[in-house]
N, C-alpha and C. Protein backbone atom coordinates (compact mmCIF):
# COMPACT_ATOMS: atom_id res chain seq x y z
N MET A 1 -28.50 41.96 249.60
CA MET A 1 -29.72 43.26 250.29
C MET A 1 -28.58 44.31 249.96
N LYS A 2 -27.18 44.42 249.31
CA LYS A 2 -27.18 45.61 249.29
C LYS A 2 -27.56 46.30 248.04
N ARG A 3 -27.90 45.33 247.29
CA ARG A 3 -28.03 45.25 246.10
C ARG A 3 -29.92 46.21 245.81
N LEU A 4 -30.30 45.48 246.52
CA LEU A 4 -31.94 46.00 246.98
C LEU A 4 -31.66 47.45 247.54
N LEU A 5 -30.82 47.95 248.49
CA LEU A 5 -30.90 48.74 249.31
C LEU A 5 -30.38 50.04 248.14
N GLY A 6 -28.99 49.40 247.22
CA GLY A 6 -28.67 50.30 246.51
C GLY A 6 -30.04 50.93 245.14
N THR A 7 -30.59 49.86 245.04
CA THR A 7 -32.07 50.58 243.74
C THR A 7 -32.78 51.25 244.90
N LEU A 8 -32.91 50.95 245.77
CA LEU A 8 -33.99 52.12 246.62
C LEU A 8 -33.45 53.39 246.94
N ALA A 9 -32.39 53.35 247.14
CA ALA A 9 -31.43 54.69 247.04
C ALA A 9 -31.51 55.71 245.57
N LEU A 10 -31.58 54.74 244.64
CA LEU A 10 -31.30 54.76 242.98
C LEU A 10 -32.79 55.90 242.99
N LEU A 11 -33.83 54.61 242.96
CA LEU A 11 -35.14 55.45 242.55
C LEU A 11 -35.70 56.52 243.83
N SER A 12 -34.61 56.91 245.22
CA SER A 12 -35.68 57.64 245.93
C SER A 12 -34.58 59.28 245.51
N LEU A 13 -33.48 59.19 244.92
CA LEU A 13 -33.02 59.89 244.22
C LEU A 13 -33.57 60.29 242.77
N LEU A 14 -34.01 59.55 241.96
CA LEU A 14 -34.66 60.19 240.67
C LEU A 14 -36.04 60.61 240.94
N ALA A 15 -36.78 60.35 241.96
CA ALA A 15 -38.05 60.46 242.17
C ALA A 15 -38.08 62.27 243.14
N GLY A 16 -37.14 62.07 243.85
CA GLY A 16 -36.73 63.22 244.10
C GLY A 16 -36.32 64.58 243.21
N CYS A 17 -35.96 64.11 241.87
CA CYS A 17 -35.26 65.25 240.66
C CYS A 17 -36.45 65.26 239.77
N ALA A 18 -37.54 64.31 239.65
CA ALA A 18 -38.45 64.26 238.95
C ALA A 18 -39.08 65.72 239.22
N SER A 19 -39.57 66.16 238.18
CA SER A 19 -40.55 67.64 238.65
C SER A 19 -41.78 67.58 238.55
N ASN A 20 -42.35 68.15 239.66
CA ASN A 20 -43.73 68.21 239.66
C ASN A 20 -44.47 69.30 239.55
N ASP A 21 -43.31 70.04 238.96
CA ASP A 21 -44.16 71.35 238.92
C ASP A 21 -44.52 71.86 237.92
N ILE A 22 -44.82 70.85 237.00
CA ILE A 22 -45.78 70.84 235.75
C ILE A 22 -46.95 71.99 236.32
N ILE A 23 -47.28 72.92 235.24
CA ILE A 23 -48.34 73.57 235.40
C ILE A 23 -49.12 73.70 234.79
N ASP A 24 -50.50 74.00 234.97
CA ASP A 24 -51.62 73.67 234.23
C ASP A 24 -50.98 75.50 233.04
N PRO A 25 -51.01 75.03 231.57
CA PRO A 25 -50.78 76.17 230.83
C PRO A 25 -52.25 77.30 230.68
N HIS A 26 -53.27 76.57 230.96
CA HIS A 26 -54.54 77.72 230.47
C HIS A 26 -54.57 78.87 231.45
N GLY A 27 -54.36 79.71 230.25
CA GLY A 27 -54.48 81.53 231.13
C GLY A 27 -53.43 81.84 231.47
N TYR A 28 -51.84 80.94 231.15
CA TYR A 28 -50.71 81.44 231.72
C TYR A 28 -50.20 82.63 230.85
N SER A 29 -50.02 83.49 231.38
CA SER A 29 -49.00 84.88 231.15
C SER A 29 -47.78 85.71 232.19
N LYS A 30 -46.63 85.39 231.72
CA LYS A 30 -46.10 85.85 232.47
C LYS A 30 -44.81 86.65 231.73
N THR A 31 -44.58 87.48 232.32
CA THR A 31 -43.21 88.42 231.58
C THR A 31 -41.86 88.47 232.41
N GLY A 32 -40.81 88.10 231.51
CA GLY A 32 -39.67 87.94 232.05
C GLY A 32 -38.56 87.96 230.81
N THR A 33 -37.41 87.52 231.48
CA THR A 33 -36.10 87.32 230.83
C THR A 33 -35.99 86.27 229.56
N ALA A 34 -35.94 86.45 228.32
CA ALA A 34 -35.83 85.59 227.18
C ALA A 34 -34.04 85.30 226.95
N SER A 35 -33.83 84.45 226.89
CA SER A 35 -32.41 83.97 226.35
C SER A 35 -32.52 83.25 224.94
N TYR A 36 -31.51 82.78 224.46
CA TYR A 36 -31.54 81.64 223.30
C TYR A 36 -30.72 80.94 223.28
N TYR A 37 -30.84 79.30 222.68
CA TYR A 37 -29.75 78.18 222.54
C TYR A 37 -28.84 79.09 221.67
N GLY A 38 -27.74 78.63 221.71
CA GLY A 38 -26.78 78.84 220.68
C GLY A 38 -26.37 77.63 219.48
N ALA A 39 -25.99 77.55 218.80
CA ALA A 39 -25.76 76.29 217.74
C ALA A 39 -25.12 75.11 218.18
N LYS A 40 -24.32 75.52 219.34
CA LYS A 40 -24.08 74.23 219.86
C LYS A 40 -24.50 72.99 220.74
N HIS A 41 -25.99 73.62 220.82
CA HIS A 41 -27.15 72.49 221.65
C HIS A 41 -27.65 71.81 219.85
N HIS A 42 -27.65 72.09 218.98
CA HIS A 42 -28.13 71.83 217.30
C HIS A 42 -27.90 70.45 217.39
N GLY A 43 -29.35 69.57 217.71
CA GLY A 43 -28.68 68.07 217.38
C GLY A 43 -28.74 67.69 218.48
N LYS A 44 -28.75 67.86 219.57
CA LYS A 44 -28.60 67.36 220.72
C LYS A 44 -30.04 67.19 221.71
N ARG A 45 -30.37 65.83 222.17
CA ARG A 45 -31.66 65.59 222.76
C ARG A 45 -32.37 66.69 224.15
N THR A 46 -33.50 66.71 223.45
CA THR A 46 -34.00 67.92 224.42
C THR A 46 -34.67 67.43 225.65
N ALA A 47 -35.32 67.87 226.89
CA ALA A 47 -35.60 66.61 227.83
C ALA A 47 -37.22 66.29 227.76
N SER A 48 -37.30 66.58 225.98
CA SER A 48 -38.83 65.73 225.91
C SER A 48 -38.61 64.28 224.97
N GLY A 49 -36.96 64.30 224.70
CA GLY A 49 -36.81 62.95 223.92
C GLY A 49 -36.12 63.65 222.32
N GLU A 50 -37.17 64.59 221.81
CA GLU A 50 -36.59 65.05 220.62
C GLU A 50 -34.96 65.75 220.26
N ARG A 51 -34.71 65.64 219.24
CA ARG A 51 -33.47 66.50 219.02
C ARG A 51 -33.68 67.70 219.15
N PHE A 52 -33.08 68.68 219.37
CA PHE A 52 -32.97 70.14 219.29
C PHE A 52 -32.75 70.72 217.94
N ASN A 53 -33.31 71.50 217.19
CA ASN A 53 -33.37 72.46 215.93
C ASN A 53 -33.66 73.59 215.75
N LYS A 54 -32.04 74.37 215.63
CA LYS A 54 -31.85 75.62 216.12
C LYS A 54 -33.13 75.96 214.70
N ASN A 55 -33.34 76.07 213.44
CA ASN A 55 -34.34 76.32 212.70
C ASN A 55 -35.96 76.03 212.99
N ALA A 56 -35.99 75.53 214.46
CA ALA A 56 -37.28 74.94 214.45
C ALA A 56 -38.10 76.37 215.60
N LEU A 57 -39.00 76.62 215.64
CA LEU A 57 -39.61 77.65 216.35
C LEU A 57 -39.98 76.47 217.86
N THR A 58 -39.06 76.21 218.53
CA THR A 58 -39.28 75.62 219.78
C THR A 58 -38.83 76.53 221.14
N ALA A 59 -38.78 75.90 221.98
CA ALA A 59 -38.45 76.63 223.82
C ALA A 59 -38.22 75.67 224.80
N ALA A 60 -37.59 76.22 225.59
CA ALA A 60 -37.64 75.35 226.71
C ALA A 60 -38.19 76.78 227.94
N HIS A 61 -38.98 75.69 229.11
CA HIS A 61 -39.76 76.54 230.14
C HIS A 61 -39.53 75.44 231.42
N ARG A 62 -39.48 75.63 232.10
CA ARG A 62 -39.47 74.93 233.53
C ARG A 62 -40.56 74.55 233.74
N GLN A 63 -41.86 74.88 233.60
CA GLN A 63 -42.99 74.53 234.12
C GLN A 63 -44.09 73.89 233.17
N LEU A 64 -43.96 74.82 232.24
CA LEU A 64 -45.08 74.34 230.90
C LEU A 64 -45.02 73.01 230.41
N PRO A 65 -46.44 71.93 230.33
CA PRO A 65 -46.15 70.44 229.74
C PRO A 65 -45.41 70.81 228.14
N PHE A 66 -44.84 70.15 227.81
CA PHE A 66 -44.46 69.67 226.60
C PHE A 66 -45.46 69.34 225.42
N GLY A 67 -45.45 70.19 224.49
CA GLY A 67 -46.15 70.41 223.80
C GLY A 67 -47.13 71.74 223.72
N THR A 68 -46.89 72.28 224.44
CA THR A 68 -47.80 74.15 224.87
C THR A 68 -47.01 74.82 224.11
N ARG A 69 -47.70 75.14 222.98
CA ARG A 69 -47.66 76.16 222.36
C ARG A 69 -47.81 77.69 223.18
N VAL A 70 -46.49 78.56 223.06
CA VAL A 70 -46.82 80.10 224.04
C VAL A 70 -46.48 80.81 222.51
N LYS A 71 -47.08 82.12 222.88
CA LYS A 71 -46.55 83.06 221.97
C LYS A 71 -46.01 84.13 222.93
N VAL A 72 -44.88 84.32 222.26
CA VAL A 72 -43.61 85.22 223.02
C VAL A 72 -43.38 86.38 222.26
N THR A 73 -43.50 87.48 223.29
CA THR A 73 -43.61 88.61 222.80
C THR A 73 -42.13 89.40 222.83
N ASN A 74 -41.56 90.09 222.23
CA ASN A 74 -40.39 90.70 222.49
C ASN A 74 -40.75 92.20 222.90
N LEU A 75 -40.82 92.28 224.49
CA LEU A 75 -41.70 93.89 224.82
C LEU A 75 -40.78 95.27 224.46
N ASN A 76 -39.04 95.30 224.35
CA ASN A 76 -38.39 96.14 223.74
C ASN A 76 -38.80 96.36 221.96
N ASN A 77 -39.54 95.25 221.02
CA ASN A 77 -39.08 96.15 219.81
C ASN A 77 -41.09 95.82 219.35
N ASP A 78 -41.60 94.55 220.00
CA ASP A 78 -43.33 94.25 219.86
C ASP A 78 -43.40 93.24 219.11
N ARG A 79 -41.93 92.54 218.81
CA ARG A 79 -42.01 91.46 217.51
C ARG A 79 -42.56 90.34 218.68
N SER A 80 -43.26 89.28 217.71
CA SER A 80 -43.66 88.39 218.80
C SER A 80 -43.57 87.03 217.50
N CYS A 81 -43.66 85.65 218.17
CA CYS A 81 -43.56 84.35 217.36
C CYS A 81 -44.33 83.63 218.30
N VAL A 82 -44.88 82.09 217.54
CA VAL A 82 -45.10 81.50 218.31
C VAL A 82 -44.01 80.14 218.62
N VAL A 83 -44.12 79.55 219.51
CA VAL A 83 -43.08 78.51 219.93
C VAL A 83 -43.49 77.35 220.51
N ARG A 84 -43.09 76.00 220.37
CA ARG A 84 -43.68 75.01 221.23
C ARG A 84 -42.54 74.54 221.83
N ILE A 85 -43.27 74.50 223.73
CA ILE A 85 -42.09 73.99 224.20
C ILE A 85 -41.85 72.64 224.12
N ASN A 86 -40.73 72.06 224.54
CA ASN A 86 -40.31 70.59 223.99
C ASN A 86 -38.53 70.86 224.83
N ASP A 87 -38.57 71.18 225.63
CA ASP A 87 -37.41 70.77 226.98
C ASP A 87 -37.44 71.60 228.12
N ARG A 88 -36.67 71.16 228.96
CA ARG A 88 -36.60 72.09 230.52
C ARG A 88 -35.70 73.15 230.39
N GLY A 89 -35.79 74.42 231.23
CA GLY A 89 -34.75 75.53 231.20
C GLY A 89 -35.80 76.68 231.40
N PRO A 90 -35.06 77.72 231.28
CA PRO A 90 -33.21 77.50 231.14
C PRO A 90 -32.94 77.40 232.97
N HIS A 91 -31.68 77.37 232.59
CA HIS A 91 -30.76 76.64 233.37
C HIS A 91 -29.93 78.07 233.99
N THR A 92 -30.40 78.87 233.92
CA THR A 92 -29.84 80.42 233.74
C THR A 92 -30.53 80.86 234.80
N ARG A 93 -30.32 81.60 236.25
CA ARG A 93 -31.18 82.26 237.36
C ARG A 93 -31.57 83.33 236.58
N GLY A 94 -33.00 83.52 236.82
CA GLY A 94 -33.91 84.86 236.26
C GLY A 94 -34.05 84.93 234.97
N ARG A 95 -33.97 83.74 234.37
CA ARG A 95 -34.39 83.66 232.72
C ARG A 95 -35.81 82.88 233.11
N LEU A 96 -36.58 83.29 232.24
CA LEU A 96 -37.98 82.76 232.31
C LEU A 96 -37.94 81.71 230.83
N ILE A 97 -37.70 82.07 230.07
CA ILE A 97 -37.61 81.15 228.69
C ILE A 97 -36.40 80.92 227.87
N ASP A 98 -36.04 80.11 227.22
CA ASP A 98 -34.66 79.85 225.95
C ASP A 98 -35.92 79.66 225.04
N VAL A 99 -35.54 80.50 223.89
CA VAL A 99 -35.96 79.97 222.77
C VAL A 99 -34.74 79.45 221.82
N SER A 100 -35.63 79.21 220.58
CA SER A 100 -34.72 78.54 219.83
C SER A 100 -33.75 79.55 218.85
N HIS A 101 -32.76 79.41 217.86
CA HIS A 101 -32.55 80.44 217.36
C HIS A 101 -33.36 81.55 216.46
N GLU A 102 -33.55 80.30 215.50
CA GLU A 102 -35.01 80.75 214.48
C GLU A 102 -35.82 81.94 215.43
N ALA A 103 -36.47 81.16 216.60
CA ALA A 103 -37.48 82.38 217.29
C ALA A 103 -36.54 83.39 217.81
N ALA A 104 -35.36 83.29 218.47
CA ALA A 104 -34.40 84.66 218.54
C ALA A 104 -34.69 85.53 217.53
N GLU A 105 -34.24 85.28 216.58
CA GLU A 105 -34.17 85.91 214.99
C GLU A 105 -35.43 86.51 215.01
N GLN A 106 -36.87 85.70 215.06
CA GLN A 106 -38.07 86.48 214.25
C GLN A 106 -38.43 87.34 215.68
N LEU A 107 -37.55 87.34 216.90
CA LEU A 107 -38.29 88.47 218.00
C LEU A 107 -36.86 89.32 217.72
N GLY A 108 -36.17 89.57 217.19
CA GLY A 108 -34.83 90.01 217.01
C GLY A 108 -34.58 90.82 218.30
N MET A 109 -33.79 89.57 218.90
CA MET A 109 -32.36 89.30 219.82
C MET A 109 -31.67 89.30 219.58
N LEU A 110 -31.00 88.47 218.65
CA LEU A 110 -30.09 87.71 218.35
C LEU A 110 -28.79 88.46 218.68
N ARG A 111 -28.42 89.87 218.81
CA ARG A 111 -27.68 90.58 218.77
C ARG A 111 -27.05 91.25 220.17
N SER A 112 -28.60 91.10 220.95
CA SER A 112 -28.87 91.64 222.76
C SER A 112 -27.95 90.09 223.06
N GLY A 113 -28.83 89.13 222.99
CA GLY A 113 -28.57 87.61 223.15
C GLY A 113 -30.03 87.32 224.26
N THR A 114 -30.61 88.32 224.77
CA THR A 114 -31.58 88.37 225.90
C THR A 114 -32.63 89.59 225.99
N ALA A 115 -34.10 89.07 226.06
CA ALA A 115 -34.88 90.33 226.07
C ALA A 115 -35.88 89.97 226.91
N ARG A 116 -36.33 91.22 227.30
CA ARG A 116 -37.54 91.37 228.16
C ARG A 116 -38.40 90.89 227.61
N VAL A 117 -39.45 89.90 227.80
CA VAL A 117 -40.40 88.98 226.75
C VAL A 117 -41.77 89.10 227.79
N ARG A 118 -43.04 88.39 227.29
CA ARG A 118 -44.56 88.23 227.47
C ARG A 118 -44.16 87.23 227.30
N VAL A 119 -44.52 86.09 227.95
CA VAL A 119 -44.93 84.22 227.31
C VAL A 119 -46.76 84.62 227.68
N GLN A 120 -47.18 83.77 226.74
CA GLN A 120 -48.58 83.63 226.87
C GLN A 120 -49.08 82.53 226.32
N ALA A 121 -49.67 81.44 226.82
CA ALA A 121 -50.01 80.07 226.47
C ALA A 121 -51.16 79.99 225.44
N LEU A 122 -51.25 79.38 224.77
CA LEU A 122 -52.27 79.64 223.58
C LEU A 122 -53.26 78.39 223.68
N ASP A 123 -54.40 78.76 223.54
CA ASP A 123 -55.53 77.47 224.28
C ASP A 123 -55.38 76.30 222.57
């Protein structure tokens, strides 16, 4: 009986942690702050199960479905790139998206570490 109750408690906890906040990417366009993953994350598993590659054009977003391609535009210099969502985050309050090192380089935000960006889902 204790084992059954323990299992039910664990399942309840896991269900509560599951993200039910996945949104429809169609028409998604938001402005906010982007940051980027440091080299220490290279090779670690992402929430989608794939290994993080700092040289790939990928990103973490809290609500967009895995595989969604988004155009990220740095509003300070108008540079942009297209990334694929493969992770959950950012885990820092007030941030909209975490991009890979390669994406940050293309966006011109390596030196500053963050940038004001527009994120638009591509159909």
